[in-house]
N, C-alpha and C. Protein backbone atom coordinates (compact mmCIF):
# COMPACT_ATOMS: atom_id res chain seq x y z
N MET A 1 0.90 -1.18 -0.04
CA MET A 1 -0.03 -0.05 0.02
C MET A 1 0.90 1.17 -0.06
N HIS A 2 1.87 1.30 0.88
CA HIS A 2 2.79 2.48 1.02
C HIS A 2 3.55 2.60 -0.45
N GLU A 3 4.02 1.52 -0.95
CA GLU A 3 4.57 1.56 -2.34
C GLU A 3 3.69 2.23 -3.30
N THR A 4 2.40 1.87 -3.36
CA THR A 4 1.56 2.26 -4.30
C THR A 4 1.30 3.77 -4.09
N ILE A 5 1.07 4.33 -2.78
CA ILE A 5 1.09 5.66 -2.61
C ILE A 5 2.33 6.41 -2.99
N ALA A 6 3.51 5.96 -2.70
CA ALA A 6 4.67 6.65 -3.10
C ALA A 6 4.82 6.79 -4.57
N ALA A 7 4.46 5.65 -5.31
CA ALA A 7 4.33 5.75 -6.86
C ALA A 7 3.47 6.80 -7.31
N ALA A 8 2.36 6.83 -6.71
CA ALA A 8 1.38 7.81 -7.19
C ALA A 8 1.82 9.37 -6.84
N PHE A 9 2.54 9.56 -5.82
CA PHE A 9 3.07 10.78 -5.62
C PHE A 9 4.09 11.27 -6.68
N ARG A 10 4.99 10.23 -7.00
CA ARG A 10 6.07 10.52 -8.01
C ARG A 10 5.28 10.84 -9.30
N LEU A 11 4.24 10.11 -9.73
CA LEU A 11 3.62 10.33 -10.86
C LEU A 11 2.81 11.59 -10.95
N ARG A 12 2.26 12.01 -9.79
CA ARG A 12 1.57 13.16 -9.71
C ARG A 12 2.61 14.51 -9.84
N SER A 13 3.77 14.32 -9.50
CA SER A 13 4.70 15.34 -9.68
C SER A 13 4.88 15.69 -11.33
N ARG A 14 4.95 14.65 -11.95
CA ARG A 14 5.14 14.81 -13.42
C ARG A 14 3.74 15.43 -14.08
N GLU A 15 2.64 14.92 -13.49
CA GLU A 15 1.36 15.10 -14.16
C GLU A 15 0.97 16.72 -13.79
N THR A 16 1.42 17.07 -12.55
CA THR A 16 1.06 18.38 -12.17
C THR A 16 1.79 19.37 -13.03
N THR A 17 3.14 19.10 -13.37
CA THR A 17 3.85 19.95 -14.34
C THR A 17 3.06 19.95 -15.57
N ARG A 18 2.54 18.79 -16.09
CA ARG A 18 1.89 18.88 -17.30
C ARG A 18 0.51 19.77 -17.25
N GLU A 19 -0.15 19.60 -16.20
CA GLU A 19 -1.34 20.24 -16.03
C GLU A 19 -1.15 21.77 -16.00
N THR A 20 -0.08 22.07 -15.41
CA THR A 20 0.02 23.68 -15.21
C THR A 20 0.43 24.20 -16.61
N VAL A 21 1.08 23.47 -17.44
CA VAL A 21 1.46 23.85 -18.75
C VAL A 21 0.16 24.05 -19.44
N GLY A 22 -0.71 22.98 -19.35
CA GLY A 22 -2.05 22.98 -19.98
C GLY A 22 -2.83 24.19 -19.76
N MET A 23 -2.97 24.41 -18.37
CA MET A 23 -3.85 25.53 -17.86
C MET A 23 -3.35 26.86 -18.44
N LYS A 24 -2.01 27.05 -18.42
CA LYS A 24 -1.39 28.28 -18.84
C LYS A 24 -1.79 28.44 -20.42
N SER A 25 -1.71 27.40 -21.19
CA SER A 25 -2.04 27.34 -22.56
C SER A 25 -3.38 27.79 -22.68
N LEU A 26 -4.38 27.21 -21.95
CA LEU A 26 -5.81 27.42 -21.96
C LEU A 26 -6.10 28.99 -21.70
N MET A 27 -5.44 29.56 -20.61
CA MET A 27 -5.53 30.94 -20.42
C MET A 27 -5.10 31.89 -21.48
N VAL A 28 -3.98 31.52 -21.96
CA VAL A 28 -3.46 32.44 -22.96
C VAL A 28 -4.32 32.49 -24.21
N ARG A 29 -4.96 31.31 -24.58
CA ARG A 29 -5.83 31.25 -25.69
C ARG A 29 -7.12 31.88 -25.28
N THR A 30 -7.55 31.97 -24.20
CA THR A 30 -8.83 32.55 -23.66
C THR A 30 -8.68 34.02 -23.59
N CYS A 31 -7.53 34.53 -22.87
CA CYS A 31 -7.35 35.89 -22.54
C CYS A 31 -6.63 36.68 -23.28
N LEU A 32 -6.12 36.06 -24.41
CA LEU A 32 -5.52 36.98 -25.43
C LEU A 32 -6.04 36.84 -26.76
N PRO A 33 -7.27 37.49 -27.08
CA PRO A 33 -8.01 37.07 -28.12
C PRO A 33 -7.53 37.94 -29.47
N GLY A 34 -6.66 38.84 -29.25
CA GLY A 34 -6.09 39.62 -30.45
C GLY A 34 -6.25 41.05 -30.19
N PRO A 35 -5.89 42.03 -31.06
CA PRO A 35 -5.71 43.34 -30.87
C PRO A 35 -6.97 44.07 -30.92
N LYS A 36 -8.08 43.48 -31.42
CA LYS A 36 -9.32 44.22 -31.51
C LYS A 36 -10.03 44.43 -30.31
N ARG A 37 -10.80 45.46 -29.98
CA ARG A 37 -11.44 45.69 -28.80
C ARG A 37 -12.70 44.78 -28.71
N LEU A 38 -12.79 44.17 -27.58
CA LEU A 38 -13.89 43.20 -27.34
C LEU A 38 -15.20 43.92 -26.76
N PRO A 39 -16.41 43.37 -27.00
CA PRO A 39 -17.55 43.80 -26.51
C PRO A 39 -17.55 43.61 -25.09
N ALA A 40 -18.18 44.48 -24.14
CA ALA A 40 -18.14 44.41 -22.66
C ALA A 40 -18.55 42.87 -22.37
N ARG A 41 -19.52 42.30 -22.92
CA ARG A 41 -19.92 40.99 -22.50
C ARG A 41 -18.75 39.97 -22.66
N ASP A 42 -17.98 40.09 -23.90
CA ASP A 42 -17.02 39.17 -23.95
C ASP A 42 -15.83 39.43 -23.15
N ALA A 43 -15.65 40.58 -22.87
CA ALA A 43 -14.46 40.85 -21.94
C ALA A 43 -14.76 40.41 -20.61
N ARG A 44 -16.02 40.36 -20.10
CA ARG A 44 -16.34 39.74 -18.84
C ARG A 44 -16.05 38.19 -18.93
N LEU A 45 -16.51 37.70 -19.98
CA LEU A 45 -16.22 36.18 -20.00
C LEU A 45 -14.72 35.82 -19.97
N LEU A 46 -13.77 36.71 -20.51
CA LEU A 46 -12.53 36.49 -20.45
C LEU A 46 -11.88 36.24 -19.07
N ARG A 47 -12.53 36.58 -17.98
CA ARG A 47 -12.13 36.40 -16.61
C ARG A 47 -12.49 35.22 -16.25
N CYS A 48 -13.04 34.05 -17.02
CA CYS A 48 -13.55 33.03 -16.57
C CYS A 48 -12.63 31.85 -17.37
N GLY A 49 -12.74 30.67 -16.88
CA GLY A 49 -12.00 29.65 -17.45
C GLY A 49 -12.77 28.32 -17.29
N GLY A 50 -12.65 27.36 -18.48
CA GLY A 50 -13.34 26.01 -18.12
C GLY A 50 -14.87 26.10 -17.72
N ALA A 51 -15.10 25.37 -16.55
CA ALA A 51 -16.63 25.37 -16.13
C ALA A 51 -17.00 26.75 -15.81
N LEU A 52 -16.18 27.76 -15.48
CA LEU A 52 -16.58 28.96 -14.94
C LEU A 52 -16.99 29.76 -16.27
N LEU A 53 -16.25 29.65 -17.38
CA LEU A 53 -16.72 30.33 -18.64
C LEU A 53 -18.15 29.85 -18.93
N ALA A 54 -18.41 28.49 -18.83
CA ALA A 54 -19.74 28.01 -19.14
C ALA A 54 -20.73 28.56 -18.17
N LEU A 55 -20.35 28.88 -16.98
CA LEU A 55 -21.27 29.39 -15.94
C LEU A 55 -21.54 30.79 -16.36
N CYS A 56 -20.63 31.50 -16.76
CA CYS A 56 -20.74 32.97 -17.17
C CYS A 56 -21.82 33.08 -18.37
N LEU A 57 -21.56 32.07 -19.37
CA LEU A 57 -22.55 32.07 -20.47
C LEU A 57 -23.85 31.78 -19.90
N SER A 58 -23.97 30.81 -19.04
CA SER A 58 -25.43 30.33 -18.53
C SER A 58 -26.06 31.47 -17.93
N ALA A 59 -25.33 32.22 -17.10
CA ALA A 59 -25.90 33.38 -16.14
C ALA A 59 -26.56 34.36 -17.18
N GLN A 60 -26.02 34.58 -18.46
CA GLN A 60 -26.35 35.51 -19.30
C GLN A 60 -27.51 35.11 -20.29
N ALA A 61 -27.28 33.77 -20.71
CA ALA A 61 -28.05 33.21 -21.71
C ALA A 61 -29.14 32.29 -21.30
N GLY A 62 -29.00 31.71 -20.14
CA GLY A 62 -30.06 30.98 -19.53
C GLY A 62 -30.00 29.48 -19.48
N PRO A 63 -29.51 28.84 -20.50
CA PRO A 63 -29.56 27.36 -20.60
C PRO A 63 -28.60 26.56 -19.41
N ARG A 64 -28.82 25.45 -19.13
CA ARG A 64 -28.13 24.80 -18.16
C ARG A 64 -26.81 24.43 -18.67
N VAL A 65 -25.76 24.33 -17.78
CA VAL A 65 -24.56 24.06 -18.28
C VAL A 65 -24.01 22.58 -18.04
N ALA A 66 -23.60 21.98 -19.15
CA ALA A 66 -22.86 20.65 -19.06
C ALA A 66 -21.63 20.65 -18.13
N ALA A 67 -21.31 19.75 -17.28
CA ALA A 67 -20.14 19.68 -16.52
C ALA A 67 -19.07 19.19 -17.40
N PRO A 68 -17.96 19.75 -17.61
CA PRO A 68 -16.83 19.29 -18.39
C PRO A 68 -16.45 17.85 -17.74
N PRO A 69 -16.27 16.82 -18.79
CA PRO A 69 -15.80 15.49 -18.34
C PRO A 69 -14.53 15.56 -17.68
N PHE A 70 -14.24 14.67 -16.72
CA PHE A 70 -12.94 14.57 -15.92
C PHE A 70 -12.70 13.17 -15.59
N THR A 71 -11.29 12.93 -15.37
CA THR A 71 -10.86 11.82 -14.66
C THR A 71 -9.88 12.21 -13.59
N LEU A 72 -10.25 11.64 -12.30
CA LEU A 72 -9.42 11.82 -11.12
C LEU A 72 -8.46 10.61 -10.89
N THR A 73 -7.21 10.81 -10.53
CA THR A 73 -6.32 9.68 -10.02
C THR A 73 -6.34 9.81 -8.47
N LEU A 74 -6.87 8.94 -7.81
CA LEU A 74 -6.95 8.86 -6.36
C LEU A 74 -5.70 8.45 -5.66
N LEU A 75 -5.72 8.67 -4.26
CA LEU A 75 -4.42 8.45 -3.61
C LEU A 75 -3.99 6.84 -3.54
N ASP A 76 -4.98 6.08 -3.83
CA ASP A 76 -4.78 4.58 -3.85
C ASP A 76 -4.32 4.12 -5.18
N GLY A 77 -4.25 5.14 -6.26
CA GLY A 77 -4.00 4.68 -7.52
C GLY A 77 -5.11 4.56 -8.52
N ARG A 78 -6.22 4.47 -8.03
CA ARG A 78 -7.35 4.12 -8.90
C ARG A 78 -7.67 5.41 -9.65
N ASP A 79 -8.34 5.26 -10.84
CA ASP A 79 -8.94 6.35 -11.69
C ASP A 79 -10.41 6.43 -11.58
N VAL A 80 -11.08 7.60 -11.34
CA VAL A 80 -12.52 7.63 -11.32
C VAL A 80 -12.88 8.87 -12.26
N SER A 81 -13.87 8.62 -13.18
CA SER A 81 -14.29 9.68 -14.19
C SER A 81 -15.69 10.12 -13.71
N LEU A 82 -15.97 11.24 -14.33
CA LEU A 82 -17.34 11.74 -14.00
C LEU A 82 -18.52 10.81 -14.59
N GLY A 83 -18.27 10.18 -15.64
CA GLY A 83 -19.23 9.23 -16.28
C GLY A 83 -19.57 8.03 -15.39
N GLN A 84 -18.43 7.71 -14.46
CA GLN A 84 -18.66 6.56 -13.76
C GLN A 84 -19.66 7.01 -12.48
N GLU A 85 -19.82 8.29 -12.21
CA GLU A 85 -20.62 8.63 -11.11
C GLU A 85 -22.00 9.19 -11.70
N ARG A 86 -22.33 8.75 -12.87
CA ARG A 86 -23.64 9.17 -13.42
C ARG A 86 -24.90 8.91 -12.50
N GLY A 87 -25.74 9.86 -12.32
CA GLY A 87 -26.87 9.61 -11.67
C GLY A 87 -26.75 10.08 -10.14
N LYS A 88 -25.50 10.51 -9.78
CA LYS A 88 -25.34 10.96 -8.50
C LYS A 88 -25.05 12.60 -8.61
N VAL A 89 -25.04 13.16 -7.30
CA VAL A 89 -24.64 14.50 -7.19
C VAL A 89 -23.02 14.36 -6.90
N VAL A 90 -22.21 15.03 -7.68
CA VAL A 90 -20.75 14.82 -7.55
C VAL A 90 -20.24 16.26 -6.95
N VAL A 91 -19.51 16.21 -5.88
CA VAL A 91 -18.80 17.32 -5.25
C VAL A 91 -17.26 17.29 -5.34
N LEU A 92 -16.72 18.32 -5.94
CA LEU A 92 -15.27 18.40 -6.04
C LEU A 92 -14.82 19.36 -5.01
N GLY A 93 -14.17 18.94 -4.01
CA GLY A 93 -13.58 19.94 -3.05
C GLY A 93 -12.12 20.08 -3.07
N PHE A 94 -11.67 21.16 -3.57
CA PHE A 94 -10.20 21.42 -3.57
C PHE A 94 -9.56 21.85 -2.19
N TRP A 95 -8.57 21.40 -2.06
CA TRP A 95 -7.83 21.81 -0.59
C TRP A 95 -6.32 21.57 -0.76
N ALA A 96 -5.80 22.20 0.37
CA ALA A 96 -4.19 22.06 0.57
C ALA A 96 -3.84 21.73 1.98
N THR A 97 -2.71 21.11 2.13
CA THR A 97 -2.32 20.87 3.49
C THR A 97 -2.15 21.99 4.42
N TRP A 98 -1.71 23.13 3.80
CA TRP A 98 -1.40 24.39 4.70
C TRP A 98 -2.89 25.25 4.84
N CYS A 99 -3.92 24.82 4.34
CA CYS A 99 -5.12 25.68 4.25
C CYS A 99 -6.03 25.17 5.59
N ALA A 100 -6.13 26.20 6.63
CA ALA A 100 -6.85 25.89 7.67
C ALA A 100 -8.15 25.90 7.59
N PRO A 101 -8.99 26.62 6.68
CA PRO A 101 -10.37 26.44 6.49
C PRO A 101 -10.61 25.32 5.80
N CYS A 102 -9.67 24.78 5.04
CA CYS A 102 -9.95 23.56 4.23
C CYS A 102 -10.17 22.34 5.26
N ARG A 103 -9.53 22.17 6.19
CA ARG A 103 -9.83 21.14 7.15
C ARG A 103 -11.23 20.94 7.64
N GLN A 104 -11.80 22.17 8.13
CA GLN A 104 -13.17 22.05 8.60
C GLN A 104 -14.05 21.85 7.34
N GLU A 105 -13.88 22.42 6.28
CA GLU A 105 -14.66 22.28 5.03
C GLU A 105 -14.61 20.84 4.63
N LEU A 106 -13.59 20.25 4.68
CA LEU A 106 -13.55 18.80 4.26
C LEU A 106 -14.13 17.93 5.38
N ALA A 107 -14.06 18.25 6.47
CA ALA A 107 -14.90 17.44 7.50
C ALA A 107 -16.25 17.50 7.30
N ASP A 108 -16.78 18.83 7.14
CA ASP A 108 -18.24 18.95 6.98
C ASP A 108 -18.76 18.20 5.67
N LEU A 109 -17.95 18.28 4.57
CA LEU A 109 -18.29 17.72 3.28
C LEU A 109 -18.38 16.10 3.48
N ASP A 110 -17.22 15.62 4.15
CA ASP A 110 -17.14 14.20 4.26
C ASP A 110 -18.42 13.64 5.14
N ALA A 111 -18.66 14.48 6.19
CA ALA A 111 -19.84 14.05 6.90
C ALA A 111 -21.32 14.09 6.18
N LEU A 112 -21.43 15.13 5.37
CA LEU A 112 -22.64 15.20 4.63
C LEU A 112 -22.74 14.18 3.46
N ALA A 113 -21.65 13.81 2.88
CA ALA A 113 -21.63 12.96 1.83
C ALA A 113 -22.04 11.53 2.50
N ALA A 114 -21.39 11.32 3.68
CA ALA A 114 -21.78 9.84 4.30
C ALA A 114 -23.30 9.88 4.63
N SER A 115 -23.74 10.99 5.01
CA SER A 115 -25.03 11.07 5.48
C SER A 115 -26.10 10.84 4.32
N TYR A 116 -25.79 11.10 3.05
CA TYR A 116 -26.58 10.85 1.87
C TYR A 116 -26.27 9.34 1.36
N GLY A 117 -25.17 8.89 1.63
CA GLY A 117 -24.78 7.75 1.05
C GLY A 117 -24.22 7.74 -0.19
N SER A 118 -23.33 6.75 -0.68
CA SER A 118 -22.42 6.65 -1.81
C SER A 118 -23.40 6.64 -2.98
N ALA A 119 -24.61 6.04 -2.87
CA ALA A 119 -25.54 5.91 -3.98
C ALA A 119 -26.09 7.29 -4.57
N ARG A 120 -26.07 8.30 -3.56
CA ARG A 120 -26.60 9.61 -3.93
C ARG A 120 -25.71 10.83 -4.21
N VAL A 121 -24.48 10.70 -3.43
CA VAL A 121 -23.48 11.53 -3.49
C VAL A 121 -22.12 11.11 -3.70
N ALA A 122 -21.35 11.55 -4.58
CA ALA A 122 -20.06 11.18 -4.68
C ALA A 122 -19.05 12.42 -4.51
N ALA A 123 -18.39 12.40 -3.28
CA ALA A 123 -17.53 13.56 -3.02
C ALA A 123 -16.09 13.34 -3.06
N PHE A 124 -15.28 14.17 -3.65
CA PHE A 124 -13.82 14.05 -3.74
C PHE A 124 -13.03 15.18 -3.17
N ALA A 125 -12.07 14.79 -2.36
CA ALA A 125 -11.05 15.92 -1.88
C ALA A 125 -9.98 16.00 -2.81
N ILE A 126 -9.76 16.96 -3.62
CA ILE A 126 -8.82 17.13 -4.45
C ILE A 126 -7.68 17.96 -4.19
N LEU A 127 -6.38 17.36 -4.05
CA LEU A 127 -5.37 18.03 -3.70
C LEU A 127 -4.86 19.02 -4.67
N ALA A 128 -4.60 20.35 -4.07
CA ALA A 128 -4.34 21.48 -5.09
C ALA A 128 -2.91 22.01 -4.82
N GLU A 129 -2.07 21.19 -4.27
CA GLU A 129 -0.70 21.60 -4.01
C GLU A 129 0.25 20.99 -5.04
N ARG A 130 1.29 21.69 -5.34
CA ARG A 130 2.26 21.08 -6.40
C ARG A 130 3.24 20.00 -5.67
N LYS A 131 3.75 20.59 -4.47
CA LYS A 131 4.70 19.66 -3.88
C LYS A 131 4.09 19.44 -2.22
N PRO A 132 3.14 18.73 -2.21
CA PRO A 132 2.73 18.43 -0.76
C PRO A 132 3.65 17.45 0.07
N ASP A 133 3.50 17.43 1.30
CA ASP A 133 4.27 16.55 2.05
C ASP A 133 3.54 15.31 2.06
N HIS A 134 4.07 14.25 1.68
CA HIS A 134 3.44 12.93 1.53
C HIS A 134 2.80 12.48 2.80
N GLN A 135 3.41 12.42 3.88
CA GLN A 135 3.03 12.01 5.20
C GLN A 135 1.81 12.87 5.62
N THR A 136 1.78 14.06 5.51
CA THR A 136 0.70 14.89 5.94
C THR A 136 -0.49 14.66 5.02
N VAL A 137 -0.35 14.30 3.78
CA VAL A 137 -1.44 14.12 2.96
C VAL A 137 -2.06 12.73 3.34
N VAL A 138 -1.19 11.67 3.57
CA VAL A 138 -1.83 10.38 4.13
C VAL A 138 -2.49 10.41 5.40
N ARG A 139 -1.97 11.28 6.28
CA ARG A 139 -2.69 11.48 7.59
C ARG A 139 -4.06 12.16 7.45
N ARG A 140 -4.07 13.03 6.58
CA ARG A 140 -5.33 13.79 6.34
C ARG A 140 -6.30 12.82 5.74
N ALA A 141 -5.86 12.12 4.73
CA ALA A 141 -6.77 11.11 3.97
C ALA A 141 -7.41 10.02 5.10
N ARG A 142 -6.57 9.69 6.07
CA ARG A 142 -7.19 8.55 6.91
C ARG A 142 -8.20 9.11 7.87
N ASP A 143 -8.41 10.54 7.89
CA ASP A 143 -9.51 11.14 8.72
C ASP A 143 -10.84 11.25 7.83
N LEU A 144 -10.71 10.91 6.58
CA LEU A 144 -11.76 11.15 5.66
C LEU A 144 -12.24 9.82 5.08
N ARG A 145 -13.71 9.72 5.02
CA ARG A 145 -14.36 8.42 4.28
C ARG A 145 -14.39 8.76 2.84
N MET A 146 -14.33 9.95 2.27
CA MET A 146 -14.39 10.20 0.93
C MET A 146 -13.10 9.99 0.27
N PRO A 147 -12.92 9.68 -1.00
CA PRO A 147 -11.57 9.50 -1.46
C PRO A 147 -10.81 10.83 -1.74
N VAL A 148 -9.54 10.75 -1.59
CA VAL A 148 -8.63 11.82 -1.87
C VAL A 148 -7.98 11.71 -3.15
N ALA A 149 -8.16 12.75 -4.09
CA ALA A 149 -7.55 12.60 -5.29
C ALA A 149 -6.26 13.58 -5.41
N LEU A 150 -5.20 12.99 -6.20
CA LEU A 150 -4.00 13.62 -6.17
C LEU A 150 -3.85 14.63 -7.32
N TRP A 151 -4.72 14.33 -8.47
CA TRP A 151 -4.78 15.18 -9.61
C TRP A 151 -5.66 14.79 -10.58
N PHE A 152 -5.96 15.65 -11.60
CA PHE A 152 -6.89 15.37 -12.73
C PHE A 152 -6.02 14.59 -13.67
N SER A 153 -6.23 13.30 -14.13
CA SER A 153 -5.55 12.71 -15.14
C SER A 153 -6.13 13.09 -16.66
N ALA A 154 -7.31 13.82 -16.41
CA ALA A 154 -7.89 14.26 -17.71
C ALA A 154 -8.93 15.32 -17.17
N GLY A 155 -9.03 16.46 -17.97
CA GLY A 155 -10.19 17.37 -17.65
C GLY A 155 -9.83 18.39 -16.63
N ALA A 156 -8.48 18.69 -16.23
CA ALA A 156 -8.26 19.75 -15.28
C ALA A 156 -8.61 21.11 -15.76
N ALA A 157 -8.48 21.49 -16.92
CA ALA A 157 -8.64 22.74 -17.46
C ALA A 157 -10.13 23.25 -17.15
N GLY A 158 -11.13 22.15 -17.03
CA GLY A 158 -12.59 22.49 -17.01
C GLY A 158 -12.90 22.94 -15.43
N TYR A 159 -11.86 22.78 -14.42
CA TYR A 159 -12.25 22.95 -13.19
C TYR A 159 -11.10 23.91 -12.36
N PRO A 160 -10.85 25.00 -12.94
CA PRO A 160 -9.83 25.85 -12.23
C PRO A 160 -10.14 26.28 -10.97
N LEU A 161 -9.06 26.62 -10.01
CA LEU A 161 -9.33 27.17 -8.74
C LEU A 161 -9.66 28.66 -9.07
N ILE A 162 -10.67 29.12 -8.36
CA ILE A 162 -11.30 30.48 -8.46
C ILE A 162 -10.38 31.40 -7.69
N ASN A 163 -9.86 32.43 -8.46
CA ASN A 163 -8.76 33.23 -7.92
C ASN A 163 -7.61 32.49 -7.39
N ASN A 164 -7.41 31.47 -8.07
CA ASN A 164 -6.20 30.50 -7.79
C ASN A 164 -6.04 30.27 -6.16
N GLY A 165 -7.26 30.06 -5.60
CA GLY A 165 -7.28 29.88 -4.13
C GLY A 165 -8.06 28.61 -3.71
N VAL A 166 -7.85 28.20 -2.51
CA VAL A 166 -8.63 27.09 -1.83
C VAL A 166 -9.01 27.64 -0.53
N PRO A 167 -10.11 26.99 -0.06
CA PRO A 167 -10.94 25.95 -0.68
C PRO A 167 -11.76 26.52 -1.87
N THR A 168 -12.00 25.78 -2.89
CA THR A 168 -12.82 25.96 -4.10
C THR A 168 -13.69 24.68 -4.19
N THR A 169 -14.97 24.74 -4.32
CA THR A 169 -16.04 23.64 -4.53
C THR A 169 -16.78 23.72 -5.77
N TYR A 170 -16.86 22.66 -6.40
CA TYR A 170 -17.68 22.64 -7.50
C TYR A 170 -18.80 21.46 -7.21
N VAL A 171 -20.05 21.69 -7.58
CA VAL A 171 -21.23 20.74 -7.29
C VAL A 171 -21.81 20.60 -8.60
N ILE A 172 -21.73 19.23 -8.97
CA ILE A 172 -22.49 18.94 -10.23
C ILE A 172 -23.79 17.99 -9.98
N ASP A 173 -24.82 18.35 -10.61
CA ASP A 173 -26.07 17.74 -10.33
C ASP A 173 -26.22 16.28 -10.97
N LYS A 174 -27.18 15.52 -10.60
CA LYS A 174 -27.44 14.27 -11.15
C LYS A 174 -27.46 14.11 -12.78
N ASP A 175 -27.70 15.19 -13.29
CA ASP A 175 -27.79 15.13 -14.70
C ASP A 175 -26.46 15.54 -15.46
N GLU A 176 -25.43 15.69 -14.50
CA GLU A 176 -24.09 16.01 -15.06
C GLU A 176 -24.02 17.58 -15.67
N HIS A 177 -24.86 18.35 -14.87
CA HIS A 177 -24.74 19.83 -15.16
C HIS A 177 -24.11 20.43 -13.85
N ILE A 178 -23.47 21.70 -14.02
CA ILE A 178 -22.97 22.50 -13.09
C ILE A 178 -24.16 22.91 -12.08
N ALA A 179 -24.12 22.69 -10.85
CA ALA A 179 -25.22 23.14 -9.97
C ALA A 179 -24.61 24.49 -9.42
N PHE A 180 -23.49 24.52 -8.80
CA PHE A 180 -22.96 25.69 -8.35
C PHE A 180 -21.46 25.57 -8.06
N VAL A 181 -20.82 26.74 -8.01
CA VAL A 181 -19.39 26.91 -7.76
C VAL A 181 -19.12 27.87 -6.53
N LYS A 182 -18.45 27.41 -5.71
CA LYS A 182 -17.96 28.33 -4.44
C LYS A 182 -16.53 28.48 -4.36
N ALA A 183 -16.30 29.94 -4.26
CA ALA A 183 -14.86 30.27 -3.90
C ALA A 183 -14.75 30.61 -2.37
N GLY A 184 -13.79 29.98 -1.80
CA GLY A 184 -13.53 30.19 -0.29
C GLY A 184 -14.38 29.42 0.41
N ALA A 185 -14.36 29.66 1.87
CA ALA A 185 -15.07 28.70 2.76
C ALA A 185 -16.56 29.07 2.79
N PHE A 186 -17.37 27.93 3.13
CA PHE A 186 -18.78 28.19 3.18
C PHE A 186 -18.96 28.86 4.55
N ALA A 187 -20.02 29.55 4.85
CA ALA A 187 -20.51 29.89 6.07
C ALA A 187 -21.20 28.79 6.82
N PRO A 188 -21.27 28.83 8.23
CA PRO A 188 -21.80 27.68 8.93
C PRO A 188 -23.20 27.42 8.39
N GLY A 189 -23.37 25.99 8.01
CA GLY A 189 -24.57 25.63 7.53
C GLY A 189 -24.97 25.83 6.09
N GLU A 190 -24.09 26.66 5.52
CA GLU A 190 -24.38 26.88 4.02
C GLU A 190 -24.09 25.79 3.07
N LEU A 191 -23.12 25.09 3.38
CA LEU A 191 -22.81 23.60 2.45
C LEU A 191 -23.82 22.70 2.68
N ALA A 192 -24.36 22.53 3.76
CA ALA A 192 -25.30 21.55 4.03
C ALA A 192 -26.74 22.14 3.28
N ALA A 193 -27.02 23.22 3.37
CA ALA A 193 -28.31 23.84 2.80
C ALA A 193 -28.19 23.74 1.22
N ARG A 194 -27.04 24.08 0.76
CA ARG A 194 -26.97 24.19 -0.68
C ARG A 194 -26.94 22.75 -1.37
N LEU A 195 -26.19 21.91 -0.59
CA LEU A 195 -26.06 20.63 -1.12
C LEU A 195 -27.37 19.89 -1.09
N ARG A 196 -28.19 20.10 -0.02
CA ARG A 196 -29.48 19.38 0.18
C ARG A 196 -30.41 19.95 -0.99
N ALA A 197 -30.34 21.29 -1.45
CA ALA A 197 -31.16 21.80 -2.49
C ALA A 197 -30.75 21.01 -3.85
N VAL A 198 -29.56 20.71 -3.93
CA VAL A 198 -29.22 19.94 -5.30
C VAL A 198 -29.56 18.58 -5.13
N VAL A 199 -29.37 17.84 -4.01
CA VAL A 199 -29.57 16.33 -3.91
C VAL A 199 -31.00 16.11 -3.96
N GLU A 200 -31.83 16.98 -3.46
CA GLU A 200 -33.34 16.68 -3.22
C GLU A 200 -34.27 17.10 -4.50
N VAL A 201 -33.67 17.77 -5.37
CA VAL A 201 -34.55 18.06 -6.49
C VAL A 201 -34.20 17.28 -7.58
N SER A 202 -35.31 16.84 -8.42
CA SER A 202 -35.17 15.78 -9.49
C SER A 202 -34.48 16.33 -10.60
N THR A 203 -34.73 17.69 -11.05
CA THR A 203 -34.22 18.39 -12.16
C THR A 203 -33.53 19.61 -11.81
N PRO A 204 -32.36 19.60 -11.18
CA PRO A 204 -31.73 20.77 -10.66
C PRO A 204 -31.48 21.75 -11.76
N THR A 205 -31.50 23.10 -11.52
CA THR A 205 -31.20 24.18 -12.46
C THR A 205 -29.76 24.52 -12.18
N ALA A 206 -29.13 25.21 -13.23
CA ALA A 206 -27.80 25.74 -13.09
C ALA A 206 -27.74 26.93 -12.09
N ARG A 207 -26.81 26.83 -11.38
CA ARG A 207 -26.60 28.14 -10.39
C ARG A 207 -25.52 28.95 -10.91
N ARG A 208 -25.47 30.17 -10.53
CA ARG A 208 -24.44 31.03 -10.99
C ARG A 208 -23.22 30.87 -10.25
N SER A 209 -21.93 31.07 -10.79
CA SER A 209 -20.80 31.10 -9.93
C SER A 209 -20.75 32.23 -8.84
N GLU A 210 -20.08 31.80 -7.79
CA GLU A 210 -20.03 32.71 -6.61
C GLU A 210 -18.55 33.10 -6.54
N ARG A 211 -18.27 34.31 -6.32
CA ARG A 211 -16.79 34.82 -6.31
C ARG A 211 -16.68 35.48 -4.81
């Protein structure tokens, strides 16, 4: 088990470099459209990326927004894709070992996901550090029932950190549409209320991104 985790961390280091290059390429393509002056609406969209760009469009145009496909590599080496969790509400909680608010946020999310059961909610704690301490990550993972993901093996560009910060939370409804995105820590009780609203409706509607 320890050898598997160590190998996963070595692979994560290589994949993180690749992810970073890919994200920079995406933002350059998105944020440098050319010398012409953009309409105000398009200029606002340039502040978004991936799923956030889709949410900006949905807030102005109205249609629901499909969640970008992704594949996560978990701490134990397994890969999990969005398609494998079809029919469930999926929560992606980005965290870092140095982030104090992340500890409470992950504990709250872990408890909420457990209360709904794995058939209704699939929650993942996604590590957002380039060079985390191996032992610290393993200790934190032992305190959680939900899986810890080391990186996106596919689809990272669709789920950027808002303002490059943690915690950042993405919630995807049962129909694989973005329900809401949250930058920063939730207020007491906010995560429970907002997650309940997504889990308990049969046809959720897209929510706007929060900054």
